[in-house]
Protein backbone atom coordinates (compact mmCIF):
# COMPACT_ATOMS: atom_id res chain seq x y z
CA UNK A 1 0.00 0.00 0.00
CA UNK A 2 1.50 3.31 -1.05
CA UNK A 3 1.31 6.30 1.23
CA UNK A 4 -0.01 9.51 -0.28
CA UNK A 5 1.16 12.79 1.25
CA UNK A 6 -0.76 16.05 0.94
CA UNK A 7 1.46 19.07 1.20
CA UNK A 8 -0.05 22.53 1.41
CA UNK A 9 2.68 25.09 0.96
CA UNK A 10 2.95 27.94 3.43
CA UNK A 11 4.10 31.45 2.60
CA UNK A 12 7.54 30.59 4.03
CA UNK A 13 7.97 27.64 1.71
CA UNK A 14 6.87 29.77 -1.24
CA UNK A 15 9.84 32.06 -0.70
CA UNK A 16 12.20 29.09 -0.64
CA UNK A 17 10.68 26.93 -3.38
CA UNK A 18 9.27 29.57 -5.71
CA UNK A 19 5.89 27.78 -5.79
CA UNK A 20 2.68 29.72 -5.48
CA UNK A 21 0.24 29.34 -2.64
CA UNK A 22 -3.39 30.18 -2.03
CA UNK A 23 -4.07 33.58 -0.44
CA UNK A 24 -6.91 33.77 2.05
CA UNK A 25 -9.09 36.89 2.44
CA UNK A 26 -9.05 38.70 5.78
CA UNK A 27 -12.37 39.08 7.55
CA UNK A 28 -13.87 42.32 8.87
CA UNK A 29 -13.89 40.84 12.40
CA UNK A 30 -10.14 40.30 12.22
CA UNK A 31 -9.49 43.85 11.06
CA UNK A 32 -11.46 45.26 14.03
CA UNK A 33 -9.85 43.04 16.68
CA UNK A 34 -6.81 44.28 18.61
CA UNK A 35 -4.13 42.95 20.99
CA UNK A 36 -4.77 39.50 22.48
CA UNK A 37 -8.19 39.39 20.87
CA UNK A 38 -6.50 39.81 17.48
CA UNK A 39 -4.17 36.86 18.13
CA UNK A 40 -7.03 34.66 19.31
CA UNK A 41 -9.16 35.70 16.35
CA UNK A 42 -6.25 35.05 13.98
CA UNK A 43 -5.87 31.52 15.34
CA UNK A 44 -9.58 30.82 14.95
CA UNK A 45 -9.69 32.32 11.47
CA UNK A 46 -6.62 30.36 10.33
CA UNK A 47 -8.12 27.09 11.50
CA UNK A 48 -11.53 27.77 9.95
CA UNK A 49 -10.11 29.05 6.65
CA UNK A 50 -7.49 26.33 6.27
CA UNK A 51 -9.89 23.49 7.00
CA UNK A 52 -12.00 23.96 3.83
CA UNK A 53 -8.77 24.43 1.84
CA UNK A 54 -7.35 21.19 3.24
CA UNK A 55 -10.61 19.36 2.52
CA UNK A 56 -10.51 20.56 -1.09
CA UNK A 57 -6.86 19.46 -1.39
CA UNK A 58 -7.90 16.02 -0.12
CA UNK A 59 -10.66 15.91 -2.76
CA UNK A 60 -8.08 16.75 -5.41
CA UNK A 61 -5.78 13.94 -4.21
CA UNK A 62 -8.68 11.45 -4.23
CA UNK A 63 -9.65 12.57 -7.74
CA UNK A 64 -6.08 11.93 -8.93
CA UNK A 65 -5.97 8.50 -7.31
CA UNK A 66 -9.32 7.65 -8.90
CA UNK A 67 -8.24 8.89 -12.34
CA UNK A 68 -5.03 6.88 -12.17
CA UNK A 69 -7.02 3.74 -11.30
CA UNK A 70 -9.22 3.98 -14.40
CA UNK A 71 -6.87 1.94 -16.57
CA UNK A 72 -7.44 -1.00 -14.20
CA UNK A 73 -11.19 -0.39 -14.37
CA UNK A 74 -10.95 -0.53 -18.16
CA UNK A 75 -9.06 -3.85 -18.06
CA UNK A 76 -11.46 -5.29 -15.48
CA UNK A 77 -14.29 -4.49 -17.92
CA UNK A 78 -12.47 -5.35 -21.15
CA UNK A 79 -15.32 -7.60 -22.36
CA UNK A 80 -17.53 -4.52 -22.44
CA UNK A 81 -14.97 -2.42 -24.37
CA UNK A 82 -16.39 -2.90 -27.85
CA UNK A 83 -15.79 0.58 -29.24
CA UNK A 84 -13.43 3.51 -28.96
CA UNK A 85 -16.23 5.46 -27.25
CA UNK A 86 -16.40 2.84 -24.49
CA UNK A 87 -12.73 3.45 -23.69
CA UNK A 88 -13.08 7.25 -23.90
CA UNK A 89 -16.07 6.97 -21.54
CA UNK A 90 -13.97 5.20 -18.91
CA UNK A 91 -11.10 7.72 -19.08
CA UNK A 92 -13.50 10.66 -19.22
CA UNK A 93 -14.53 9.88 -15.62
CA UNK A 94 -11.16 11.20 -14.38
CA UNK A 95 -9.68 13.20 -17.26
CA UNK A 96 -10.58 16.23 -19.36
CA UNK A 97 -11.83 15.42 -22.87
CA UNK A 98 -8.49 15.95 -24.68
CA UNK A 99 -6.51 13.86 -22.16
CA UNK A 100 -9.16 11.08 -22.29
CA UNK A 101 -8.78 11.02 -26.09
CA UNK A 102 -4.98 10.91 -25.78
CA UNK A 103 -5.11 7.95 -23.38
CA UNK A 104 -7.61 6.18 -25.63
CA UNK A 105 -5.31 6.71 -28.62
CA UNK A 106 -2.72 4.63 -26.79
CA UNK A 107 -4.87 1.78 -25.50
CA UNK A 108 -7.41 1.34 -28.34
CA UNK A 109 -5.98 -0.31 -31.44
CA UNK A 110 -7.54 -0.61 -34.86
CA UNK A 111 -5.76 -3.39 -36.73
CA UNK A 112 -6.37 -6.03 -39.40
CA UNK A 113 -6.54 -9.78 -38.96
CA UNK A 114 -4.95 -12.32 -41.34
CA UNK A 115 -7.94 -12.13 -43.67
CA UNK A 116 -7.69 -8.35 -43.95
CA UNK A 117 -10.76 -7.76 -41.79
CA UNK A 118 -10.53 -4.70 -39.55
CA UNK A 119 -10.49 -5.57 -35.86
CA UNK A 120 -10.45 -3.45 -32.71
CA UNK A 121 -8.84 -4.30 -29.41
CA UNK A 122 -7.17 -2.99 -26.30
CA UNK A 123 -3.39 -2.60 -26.47
CA UNK A 124 -1.94 -5.34 -24.25
CA UNK A 125 1.24 -3.29 -23.67
CA UNK A 126 2.61 -1.92 -20.44
CA UNK A 127 0.31 0.08 -18.16
CA UNK A 128 0.40 3.83 -18.73
CA UNK A 129 -1.09 5.03 -15.45
CA UNK A 130 0.63 4.50 -12.10
CA UNK A 131 -0.25 5.89 -8.67
CA UNK A 132 2.69 8.02 -7.45
CA UNK A 133 4.57 7.65 -4.17
CA UNK A 134 3.50 11.17 -3.14
CA UNK A 135 1.03 13.79 -4.34
CA UNK A 136 1.77 17.45 -3.58
CA UNK A 137 -1.06 19.95 -4.07
CA UNK A 138 0.88 23.11 -4.93
CA UNK A 139 -2.04 25.49 -5.46
CA UNK A 140 -5.73 25.47 -6.25
CA UNK A 141 -8.78 27.66 -6.48
CA UNK A 142 -12.40 26.81 -7.23
CA UNK A 143 -11.76 25.88 -10.86
CA UNK A 144 -8.10 24.88 -11.29
CA UNK A 145 -5.35 23.06 -9.42
CA UNK A 146 -1.63 22.46 -9.87
CA UNK A 147 -0.28 19.23 -8.41
CA UNK A 148 3.03 17.37 -8.40
CA UNK A 149 3.03 13.59 -8.76
CA UNK A 150 6.27 12.35 -7.22
CA UNK A 151 7.61 8.94 -8.22
CA UNK A 152 10.52 7.32 -6.44
CA UNK A 153 12.89 5.03 -8.35
CA UNK A 154 11.29 1.69 -9.27
CA UNK A 155 13.57 -1.06 -10.54
CA UNK A 156 11.12 -3.94 -10.05
CA UNK A 157 8.11 -5.19 -11.95
CA UNK A 158 7.12 -4.94 -15.59
CA UNK A 159 7.62 -1.15 -15.66
CA UNK A 160 10.95 0.34 -14.50
CA UNK A 161 11.70 4.05 -13.98
CA UNK A 162 14.07 6.51 -12.32
CA UNK A 163 12.78 8.96 -9.73
CA UNK A 164 10.83 11.78 -11.39
CA UNK A 165 8.04 14.30 -10.87
CA UNK A 166 5.06 14.91 -13.13
CA UNK A 167 3.50 18.38 -13.07
CA UNK A 168 -0.26 17.93 -13.36
CA UNK A 169 -3.01 20.49 -13.89
CA UNK A 170 -6.62 19.77 -13.06
CA UNK A 171 -9.88 21.55 -13.81
CA UNK A 172 -13.09 21.39 -11.86
CA UNK A 173 -15.83 20.21 -14.23
CA UNK A 174 -19.29 20.39 -12.69
CA UNK A 175 -17.94 19.77 -9.19
CA UNK A 176 -15.52 16.98 -10.18
CA UNK A 177 -11.75 17.42 -10.49
CA UNK A 178 -10.34 16.09 -13.79
CA UNK A 179 -6.71 15.75 -14.89
CA UNK A 180 -6.13 17.91 -17.98
CA UNK A 181 -2.41 18.37 -18.57
CA UNK A 182 0.67 16.48 -17.48
CA UNK A 183 4.34 17.14 -18.11
CA UNK A 184 7.58 15.79 -16.79
CA UNK A 185 9.23 18.28 -14.43
CA UNK A 186 12.55 19.44 -15.86
CA UNK A 187 15.47 19.05 -13.49
CA UNK A 188 18.64 21.10 -13.80
CA UNK A 189 21.71 18.99 -14.40
CA UNK A 190 24.56 19.59 -11.94
């Protein structure tokens, strides 16, 4: 069982890492408070404002985990995958339309049998989706999120890779977070 970490960056870590963070609005009650009352109010406000932000970050992490599990769902239901639209429909549950099409392009094959008859099938190649070792929610608002998928080195199993990070953007579509863009984080060579 892999452990998923949620990391919400503070203003201090923004200065060090260069990543953005979510700014929270100040309330009228906080502006009017003074002295000890201000400190107490600040503590209460921080806890109440951060809690919804943390809950949303957790929803984003769960949406990513779900999206990355859809390839297994597809294979578990392969008997029902009789058209390209069936495959797109599975991936569309966790990905934006363009990314769902891209994934389908990889796993859905149109080929010809020995008699020249066109056949369709799922690509039995290596899996393309893998749950990362850590998920870092860098920033988000009501409609978009930026997340890092962190993979540690894996030298075992059918798929082998070096440690790497995938920068992932998500959009909120009708209340559901969907993965839209992914890119490999560029690392400076020493």
